[in-house]
Protein backbone atom coordinates (compact mmCIF):
# COMPACT_ATOMS: atom_id res chain seq x y z
CA UNK A 1 8.79 -9.70 -7.73
CA UNK A 2 6.51 -6.86 -9.03
CA UNK A 3 8.46 -4.62 -6.97
CA UNK A 4 11.88 -6.11 -7.87
CA UNK A 5 11.12 -5.48 -11.35
CA UNK A 6 10.61 -1.80 -10.77
CA UNK A 7 14.36 -1.44 -9.89
CA UNK A 8 16.09 0.58 -12.72
CA UNK A 9 19.08 -1.47 -14.10
CA UNK A 10 21.36 1.39 -13.60
CA UNK A 11 20.28 1.81 -10.06
CA UNK A 12 20.75 -1.91 -8.84
CA UNK A 13 23.56 -1.18 -6.57
CA UNK A 14 22.40 2.27 -5.38
CA UNK A 15 22.09 2.84 -1.46
CA UNK A 16 21.10 5.96 0.28
CA UNK A 17 24.35 5.65 2.21
CA UNK A 18 27.64 3.96 2.32
CA UNK A 19 27.66 0.66 3.79
CA UNK A 20 24.09 0.18 3.73
CA UNK A 21 22.06 -2.44 1.71
CA UNK A 22 21.74 -1.64 -1.97
CA UNK A 23 18.66 -2.43 -3.97
CA UNK A 24 20.50 -5.39 -5.19
CA UNK A 25 21.63 -6.43 -1.92
CA UNK A 26 17.94 -6.27 -0.72
CA UNK A 27 16.80 -8.31 -3.61
CA UNK A 28 19.56 -11.05 -3.22
CA UNK A 29 19.21 -10.98 0.67
CA UNK A 30 15.47 -11.65 0.31
CA UNK A 31 15.76 -14.52 -2.02
CA UNK A 32 18.99 -16.14 -0.49
CA UNK A 33 17.50 -15.84 3.01
CA UNK A 34 14.35 -17.61 2.20
CA UNK A 35 16.05 -20.60 0.52
CA UNK A 36 19.34 -21.01 2.67
CA UNK A 37 17.99 -20.06 5.91
CA UNK A 38 14.33 -20.56 6.28
CA UNK A 39 14.01 -23.39 3.56
CA UNK A 40 17.11 -24.98 5.32
CA UNK A 41 15.65 -24.70 9.02
CA UNK A 42 12.29 -26.14 8.33
CA UNK A 43 14.24 -29.35 6.84
CA UNK A 44 16.08 -29.43 10.19
CA UNK A 45 19.26 -28.17 8.66
CA UNK A 46 21.22 -25.24 9.80
CA UNK A 47 21.48 -22.19 7.89
CA UNK A 48 23.53 -21.98 4.79
CA UNK A 49 23.34 -18.25 4.53
CA UNK A 50 26.68 -16.58 4.43
CA UNK A 51 26.31 -13.43 2.19
CA UNK A 52 23.94 -11.66 -0.08
CA UNK A 53 26.92 -10.05 -2.25
CA UNK A 54 27.15 -9.52 -5.99
CA UNK A 55 29.13 -13.07 -6.33
CA UNK A 56 25.59 -14.43 -6.26
CA UNK A 57 24.19 -12.30 -8.92
CA UNK A 58 25.40 -9.22 -10.55
CA UNK A 59 23.08 -7.07 -12.85
CA UNK A 60 19.32 -6.68 -12.54
CA UNK A 61 18.61 -9.70 -14.98
CA UNK A 62 20.79 -12.05 -13.19
CA UNK A 63 19.40 -10.99 -9.65
CA UNK A 64 15.91 -11.52 -10.84
CA UNK A 65 16.76 -14.95 -12.30
CA UNK A 66 18.40 -15.87 -8.85
CA UNK A 67 15.41 -14.74 -7.16
CA UNK A 68 13.21 -16.79 -9.36
CA UNK A 69 15.46 -19.86 -9.07
CA UNK A 70 15.79 -19.73 -5.26
CA UNK A 71 12.03 -19.03 -4.72
CA UNK A 72 11.27 -22.18 -6.89
CA UNK A 73 13.57 -24.16 -4.87
CA UNK A 74 12.24 -22.94 -1.53
CA UNK A 75 8.55 -23.60 -2.82
CA UNK A 76 9.55 -27.06 -3.80
CA UNK A 77 10.78 -27.70 -0.08
CA UNK A 78 7.75 -26.12 1.54
CA UNK A 79 5.37 -28.12 -0.54
CA UNK A 80 6.61 -31.24 1.00
CA UNK A 81 5.59 -30.09 4.53
CA UNK A 82 2.57 -31.84 6.04
CA UNK A 83 0.13 -30.23 8.55
CA UNK A 84 1.67 -32.40 10.86
CA UNK A 85 5.33 -31.12 10.05
CA UNK A 86 4.03 -27.56 10.44
CA UNK A 87 3.34 -28.35 14.32
CA UNK A 88 6.98 -29.77 14.72
CA UNK A 89 9.80 -27.77 16.11
CA UNK A 90 13.05 -27.03 14.23
CA UNK A 91 16.05 -25.01 15.28
CA UNK A 92 16.14 -21.47 14.17
CA UNK A 93 19.36 -19.68 12.91
CA UNK A 94 19.52 -18.43 16.54
CA UNK A 95 20.00 -21.82 17.75
CA UNK A 96 16.60 -21.59 19.60
CA UNK A 97 13.46 -24.33 19.15
CA UNK A 98 10.73 -22.84 17.17
CA UNK A 99 7.51 -24.39 15.54
CA UNK A 100 7.96 -24.67 12.06
CA UNK A 101 4.74 -22.69 11.05
CA UNK A 102 6.02 -19.85 13.40
CA UNK A 103 9.27 -19.80 11.56
CA UNK A 104 7.63 -19.53 8.33
CA UNK A 105 5.43 -16.79 9.53
CA UNK A 106 8.69 -14.82 10.39
CA UNK A 107 9.93 -15.65 6.92
CA UNK A 108 6.75 -13.55 5.55
CA UNK A 109 7.52 -10.81 8.19
CA UNK A 110 11.20 -10.78 7.10
CA UNK A 111 10.22 -10.30 3.61
CA UNK A 112 7.54 -7.74 4.31
CA UNK A 113 10.30 -5.83 6.22
CA UNK A 114 12.52 -5.67 3.17
CA UNK A 115 9.87 -4.97 0.75
CA UNK A 116 9.10 -1.77 2.60
CA UNK A 117 12.75 -0.91 2.19
CA UNK A 118 12.48 -1.42 -1.44
CA UNK A 119 9.44 0.66 -1.71
CA UNK A 120 11.21 3.47 0.34
CA UNK A 121 14.39 3.18 -1.75
CA UNK A 122 12.39 3.49 -5.00
CA UNK A 123 10.38 6.47 -3.63
CA UNK A 124 13.55 8.31 -2.87
CA UNK A 125 14.70 7.73 -6.49
CA UNK A 126 11.23 8.80 -7.85
CA UNK A 127 10.38 5.45 -9.31
CA UNK A 128 6.85 4.37 -9.67
CA UNK A 129 5.87 1.12 -7.85
CA UNK A 130 2.78 -1.09 -7.85
CA UNK A 131 0.29 -0.62 -5.23
CA UNK A 132 0.26 -3.38 -2.45
CA UNK A 133 -3.41 -3.92 -2.31
CA UNK A 134 -4.68 -3.15 -5.59
CA UNK A 135 -5.43 0.48 -5.44
CA UNK A 136 -3.28 3.33 -4.35
CA UNK A 137 -4.44 5.71 -1.72
CA UNK A 138 -5.19 8.35 -4.18
CA UNK A 139 -7.45 5.84 -6.09
CA UNK A 140 -9.33 5.06 -2.97
CA UNK A 141 -9.71 8.87 -2.03
CA UNK A 142 -11.07 9.46 -5.37
CA UNK A 143 -13.64 6.79 -5.04
CA UNK A 144 -14.95 8.22 -1.74
CA UNK A 145 -16.76 6.47 0.81
CA UNK A 146 -20.53 6.19 1.51
């Protein structure tokens, strides 16, 4: 959400090329995939993901609200999983059996992948973004090593 809040409102539907994800598409895709693909699959349900379009939320404030709401719903589902549940298999969107904890790990990898896209898009636009791990590389270099 720290990176999502860096998106300029007037650039939310910007993309580097026609037909590619916009910044808004990326934000909606992350939220909708978490809730309607991963959270559904771990419950033993089929994916309900169909689109990440503006019909879900148009404009930055609405997209951020959608992200917060869907994440809250996802967390409520994930919190119900027991240690035993995490060892069970569910059916992935591809139709293959996968252990639930492994599917959840792939959810994190999916988000990381798209977060990197957000950082790249924002970098192209010259927008400052928060460092991933507390310090920027420039701050780490300035502190030196012993």
